[in-house]
Amino acid sequence: MTIRGLSIDTTSIPILGASIDTNRNLLTEESMAPSEVSITGGIYNVSGNFSAGYRPTLINPFIETGLLGKTGGGIADVINYYEITLGDEFNNTNTFASCVLSNCSISVKTKELTKISFDWVGTRKKSTPNPLTSPDYTHEVSIFYNASLGDIKCSSLTLNISRPIGNDDTIIGSEYAQSLFQSDQITVGGNLTIPNKDYALIDKVLTTTDEATWDTIGNKNNTTYYGEIKILFRNPSGTKDLTTITLSDVYAQQSNISMQGRQRIEKTFDFKAKVTNSTGILIYTI
């Protein structure tokens, strides 16, 4: 049986799309000759991405252990490695070893099912690929009209979780990275698109609470704290909660208001969330 799809270790993911980018970083000799007379292979780099319908019961373990480093809330300074396999209907299958998830983005938009995308970085291609099995579609996907943010009204939500990964741990005698490492801090944030007539969220960014004393030195209070955002994802029929994602310490970062003729006024609200090893983000799969 030929299968076109992607798997992480032994778990096949029902994907919408995927790509793999391999860079051999060619080395050329810049000599006195009129052209490049010597070209050889350099450092081996491989990375990729894939997108899928957001099936929380299937995907959440990879968010928690792969990006956050732990389950049960918060983050951990732990890097978890996977093997990622991509195959087509012509029995061409490639598996990449020692892969690390570096970013994920959960997108909820009106008129769409909920989507998620992942970026990953790998070390090398395995000589023998892993078998690829048919994905399990029994895990339910969330739909925009059965997702909610409590009393916050928005027409779209994007939640980004990023763990920057470096792959330049190389040594003399090998073209492969010896290990992958976290190259910057884990960040959690996102943005909302606000309905036409709602303004309260935008005012959170516009207002510092120091407007009356803008040009004086004193007990300034440059307020950016918003509070908690709790996202609920339900199944298509609306009969079951699939998961909740709670960001308990959210800060307003940026807003944008744009108007064009008599078209709908576009208002966006960008935020960041503070996370620690035990608090800040909680993913609860029902």
Protein backbone atom coordinates (compact mmCIF):
# COMPACT_ATOMS: atom_id res chain seq x y z
CA MET A 1 0.00 0.00 0.00
CA THR A 2 1.39 3.41 -0.96
CA ILE A 3 0.83 6.26 1.50
CA ARG A 4 1.28 9.95 0.89
CA GLY A 5 1.81 11.70 4.18
CA LEU A 6 3.97 12.40 7.21
CA SER A 7 4.71 10.74 10.53
CA ILE A 8 6.48 11.78 13.72
CA ASP A 9 8.20 8.68 15.07
CA THR A 10 5.44 6.07 14.67
CA THR A 11 2.50 8.50 14.73
CA SER A 12 1.09 9.34 11.30
CA ILE A 13 -0.36 12.87 11.14
CA PRO A 14 -3.29 13.79 8.85
CA ILE A 15 -1.52 16.70 7.17
CA LEU A 16 -2.68 19.44 4.82
CA GLY A 17 0.78 20.08 3.41
CA ALA A 18 4.48 19.59 4.11
CA SER A 19 7.90 20.54 2.81
CA ILE A 20 11.53 19.59 3.40
CA ASP A 21 14.47 21.89 2.68
CA THR A 22 17.96 20.39 2.43
CA ASN A 23 20.96 22.67 2.06
CA ARG A 24 24.40 21.18 1.33
CA ASN A 25 26.14 24.56 1.76
CA LEU A 26 28.53 24.11 -1.15
CA LEU A 27 32.11 25.30 -0.75
CA THR A 28 33.80 26.93 -3.72
CA GLU A 29 37.41 27.87 -4.21
CA GLU A 30 37.82 31.51 -5.08
CA SER A 31 40.98 31.32 -7.12
CA MET A 32 42.60 33.34 -9.86
CA ALA A 33 40.72 31.28 -12.46
CA PRO A 34 37.91 32.99 -14.40
CA SER A 35 35.26 30.65 -12.92
CA GLU A 36 34.60 28.31 -10.00
CA VAL A 37 36.93 25.41 -10.68
CA SER A 38 36.45 23.61 -7.34
CA ILE A 39 33.04 22.87 -5.76
CA THR A 40 32.63 20.52 -2.78
CA GLY A 41 29.97 19.74 -0.22
CA GLY A 42 29.83 21.69 3.03
CA ILE A 43 27.72 21.51 6.19
CA TYR A 44 24.58 19.36 5.90
CA ASN A 45 21.42 21.19 6.98
CA VAL A 46 17.86 19.90 6.80
CA SER A 47 14.65 21.53 7.99
CA GLY A 48 10.99 21.45 7.14
CA ASN A 49 7.44 22.31 8.03
CA PHE A 50 3.98 20.79 7.89
CA SER A 51 0.43 21.96 8.45
CA ALA A 52 -2.61 20.04 9.61
CA GLY A 53 -6.12 20.41 10.91
CA TYR A 54 -5.82 20.95 14.65
CA ARG A 55 -6.75 17.63 16.25
CA PRO A 56 -5.94 18.33 19.92
CA THR A 57 -6.01 14.73 21.17
CA LEU A 58 -3.45 13.79 18.51
CA ILE A 59 -1.32 16.94 18.29
CA ASN A 60 -1.16 18.28 21.86
CA PRO A 61 1.52 15.82 23.08
CA PHE A 62 3.91 17.15 20.43
CA ILE A 63 3.24 20.76 21.50
CA GLU A 64 3.79 19.98 25.16
CA THR A 65 6.82 17.69 25.00
CA GLY A 66 8.29 18.86 21.70
CA LEU A 67 8.07 22.64 22.15
CA LEU A 68 7.34 23.30 25.82
CA GLY A 69 9.48 20.41 27.05
CA LYS A 70 6.96 19.08 29.56
CA THR A 71 3.31 18.36 30.26
CA GLY A 72 1.17 19.72 33.05
CA GLY A 73 1.77 23.43 32.51
CA GLY A 74 4.74 25.70 32.08
CA ILE A 75 7.96 24.99 30.21
CA ALA A 76 11.15 23.00 30.75
CA ASP A 77 14.72 23.35 29.51
CA VAL A 78 14.47 20.00 27.74
CA ILE A 79 14.90 19.20 24.05
CA ASN A 80 13.03 16.16 22.76
CA TYR A 81 14.13 14.49 19.54
CA TYR A 82 11.93 12.83 16.92
CA GLU A 83 12.24 11.03 13.62
CA ILE A 84 10.18 12.63 10.86
CA THR A 85 9.14 10.65 7.79
CA LEU A 86 7.64 12.02 4.58
CA GLY A 87 6.35 9.72 1.83
CA ASP A 88 4.59 9.95 -1.51
CA GLU A 89 2.30 7.67 -3.54
CA PHE A 90 5.25 6.37 -5.57
CA ASN A 91 6.84 4.52 -2.63
CA ASN A 92 9.45 7.25 -2.13
CA THR A 93 9.93 7.67 1.61
CA ASN A 94 12.54 9.66 3.52
CA THR A 95 13.17 9.67 7.25
CA PHE A 96 15.22 12.34 9.00
CA ALA A 97 16.83 11.57 12.33
CA SER A 98 17.29 13.68 15.48
CA CYS A 99 14.65 16.24 14.54
CA VAL A 100 13.52 18.97 16.92
CA LEU A 101 10.30 20.99 16.70
CA SER A 102 11.17 24.69 16.66
CA ASN A 103 7.86 26.49 16.21
CA CYS A 104 4.12 25.91 16.04
CA SER A 105 1.27 28.21 15.12
CA ILE A 106 -2.40 27.53 15.89
CA SER A 107 -4.78 29.49 13.69
CA VAL A 108 -8.52 29.97 14.22
CA LYS A 109 -10.32 32.00 11.56
CA THR A 110 -13.94 32.46 10.63
CA LYS A 111 -15.07 30.29 7.70
CA GLU A 112 -12.30 27.74 8.39
CA LEU A 113 -11.46 24.69 10.43
CA THR A 114 -8.78 25.22 13.05
CA LYS A 115 -5.28 24.70 11.67
CA ILE A 116 -1.84 24.15 13.11
CA SER A 117 1.59 24.33 11.51
CA PHE A 118 5.00 23.17 12.74
CA ASP A 119 8.58 24.02 11.81
CA TRP A 120 11.35 21.52 12.53
CA VAL A 121 15.11 21.16 12.25
CA GLY A 122 16.86 17.84 11.64
CA THR A 123 20.35 16.39 11.65
CA ARG A 124 20.56 13.88 8.81
CA LYS A 125 18.67 11.51 6.50
CA LYS A 126 18.47 7.92 7.73
CA SER A 127 19.81 5.28 5.36
CA THR A 128 16.71 3.12 5.95
CA PRO A 129 13.40 5.01 6.16
CA ASN A 130 10.76 4.25 8.76
CA PRO A 131 7.52 2.65 7.53
CA LEU A 132 4.65 5.07 6.97
CA THR A 133 1.18 4.06 8.13
CA SER A 134 -2.23 5.50 7.27
CA PRO A 135 -3.18 8.47 9.48
CA ASP A 136 -5.98 8.17 12.01
CA TYR A 137 -8.83 10.55 11.18
CA THR A 138 -10.97 9.51 14.14
CA HIS A 139 -9.39 12.29 16.22
CA GLU A 140 -11.83 15.18 15.82
CA VAL A 141 -10.77 18.53 14.41
CA SER A 142 -12.00 21.81 15.84
CA ILE A 143 -14.16 24.27 13.86
CA PHE A 144 -14.14 28.07 14.25
CA TYR A 145 -17.77 28.33 15.37
CA ASN A 146 -17.19 25.80 18.15
CA ALA A 147 -14.12 27.58 19.50
CA SER A 148 -14.27 30.46 21.96
CA LEU A 149 -12.12 32.87 24.00
CA GLY A 150 -14.43 33.43 26.92
CA ASP A 151 -15.90 36.93 26.65
CA ILE A 152 -13.37 38.08 24.03
CA LYS A 153 -14.85 38.55 20.57
CA CYS A 154 -12.53 38.18 17.59
CA SER A 155 -12.72 37.10 13.96
CA SER A 156 -9.34 35.39 14.00
CA LEU A 157 -6.77 34.18 16.51
CA THR A 158 -3.19 33.06 15.99
CA LEU A 159 -1.19 31.52 18.83
CA ASN A 160 2.55 31.12 18.31
CA ILE A 161 4.92 29.01 20.40
CA SER A 162 8.59 29.25 19.43
CA ARG A 163 11.71 27.46 20.67
CA PRO A 164 14.58 28.66 18.41
CA ILE A 165 16.89 25.79 17.52
CA GLY A 166 20.52 26.06 16.39
CA ASN A 167 22.25 23.41 14.31
CA ASP A 168 25.79 24.75 14.02
CA ASP A 169 27.37 22.41 16.62
CA THR A 170 29.80 21.01 14.06
CA ILE A 171 33.30 19.57 14.38
CA ILE A 172 36.31 18.93 12.17
CA GLY A 173 35.85 15.57 10.44
CA SER A 174 32.04 15.55 10.01
CA GLU A 175 29.61 17.53 7.88
CA TYR A 176 26.76 16.83 10.31
CA ALA A 177 25.74 18.79 13.41
CA GLN A 178 26.73 16.82 16.49
CA SER A 179 23.70 18.07 18.37
CA LEU A 180 20.84 20.54 18.13
CA PHE A 181 20.55 23.19 20.80
CA GLN A 182 18.14 25.89 21.95
CA SER A 183 19.57 29.13 20.60
CA ASP A 184 17.17 31.62 22.23
CA GLN A 185 14.37 31.78 24.77
CA ILE A 186 11.00 30.11 24.35
CA THR A 187 8.37 32.69 23.43
CA VAL A 188 4.58 32.47 23.52
CA GLY A 189 2.41 35.10 21.87
CA GLY A 190 -0.10 35.78 19.18
CA ASN A 191 -2.60 38.18 17.73
CA LEU A 192 -6.34 38.75 17.49
CA THR A 193 -8.45 40.43 14.83
CA ILE A 194 -11.12 42.44 16.59
CA PRO A 195 -14.73 42.75 15.35
CA ASN A 196 -15.76 45.98 13.68
CA LYS A 197 -17.50 47.72 16.56
CA ASP A 198 -15.42 46.42 19.48
CA TYR A 199 -12.71 48.68 20.83
CA ALA A 200 -11.90 47.69 24.41
CA LEU A 201 -8.97 45.41 23.53
CA ILE A 202 -7.36 48.04 21.32
CA ASP A 203 -7.64 50.53 24.18
CA LYS A 204 -5.48 48.20 26.27
CA VAL A 205 -2.59 48.94 23.90
CA LEU A 206 -3.35 52.62 23.42
CA THR A 207 -3.54 53.38 27.13
CA THR A 208 -0.55 53.39 29.51
CA THR A 209 -2.51 54.97 32.44
CA ASP A 210 0.14 57.72 32.50
CA GLU A 211 -1.53 59.99 29.98
CA ALA A 212 -2.20 62.77 32.51
CA THR A 213 1.46 62.91 33.60
CA TRP A 214 3.08 62.16 30.25
CA ASP A 215 5.84 64.77 30.61
CA THR A 216 6.60 64.56 34.33
CA ILE A 217 8.91 62.36 36.33
CA GLY A 218 7.24 60.49 39.15
CA ASN A 219 5.59 57.22 40.01
CA LYS A 220 5.01 56.14 36.45
CA ASN A 221 2.99 53.04 35.67
CA ASN A 222 3.57 51.87 32.09
CA THR A 223 0.78 49.31 32.21
CA THR A 224 0.81 46.53 29.61
CA TYR A 225 -0.73 43.67 31.59
CA TYR A 226 -3.94 42.37 30.08
CA GLY A 227 -4.76 39.27 32.10
CA GLU A 228 -5.80 35.74 31.15
CA ILE A 229 -6.79 34.37 27.76
CA LYS A 230 -8.47 30.97 27.79
CA ILE A 231 -9.12 29.32 24.42
CA LEU A 232 -11.69 26.52 24.20
CA PHE A 233 -11.73 24.12 21.24
CA ARG A 234 -14.80 21.92 20.70
CA ASN A 235 -15.62 19.20 18.19
CA PRO A 236 -17.55 19.98 14.97
CA SER A 237 -20.92 19.03 16.44
CA GLY A 238 -20.33 21.16 19.53
CA THR A 239 -21.04 18.25 21.86
CA LYS A 240 -17.57 17.77 23.33
CA ASP A 241 -14.71 19.91 24.59
CA LEU A 242 -11.51 18.77 22.89
CA THR A 243 -8.98 20.95 24.69
CA THR A 244 -8.40 24.25 26.45
CA ILE A 245 -5.28 26.39 26.21
CA THR A 246 -4.89 28.90 29.02
CA LEU A 247 -2.43 31.80 28.95
CA SER A 248 -2.52 33.21 32.47
CA ASP A 249 -0.11 36.18 32.15
CA VAL A 250 -0.83 38.04 28.92
CA TYR A 251 0.59 41.45 28.02
CA ALA A 252 -0.53 43.84 25.31
CA GLN A 253 2.24 44.41 22.78
CA GLN A 254 0.98 46.16 19.65
CA SER A 255 -2.20 47.26 17.94
CA ASN A 256 -3.13 48.39 14.48
CA ILE A 257 -6.22 50.20 13.21
CA SER A 258 -6.74 50.69 9.49
CA MET A 259 -9.62 52.09 7.46
CA GLN A 260 -10.15 52.03 3.70
CA GLY A 261 -13.17 53.74 2.22
CA ARG A 262 -16.39 52.21 3.53
CA GLN A 263 -14.87 48.79 4.06
CA ARG A 264 -14.82 47.16 7.46
CA ILE A 265 -12.38 48.77 9.91
CA GLU A 266 -9.49 46.37 10.56
CA LYS A 267 -8.25 46.22 14.16
CA THR A 268 -5.57 43.83 15.41
CA PHE A 269 -4.22 43.19 18.89
CA ASP A 270 -0.82 41.53 19.40
CA PHE A 271 0.13 39.98 22.72
CA LYS A 272 2.89 38.13 24.53
CA ALA A 273 2.53 35.66 27.39
CA LYS A 274 4.92 35.25 30.30
CA VAL A 275 5.69 31.58 31.00
CA THR A 276 7.76 29.88 33.69
CA ASN A 277 8.68 26.28 34.49
CA SER A 278 5.28 25.78 36.13
CA THR A 279 2.90 28.56 35.07
CA GLY A 280 1.92 30.81 32.21
CA ILE A 281 0.62 28.23 29.75
CA LEU A 282 -1.59 25.21 30.40
CA ILE A 283 -2.82 22.86 27.70
CA TYR A 284 -5.60 20.62 28.99
CA THR A 285 -6.77 17.84 26.71
CA ILE A 286 -10.18 16.47 27.62
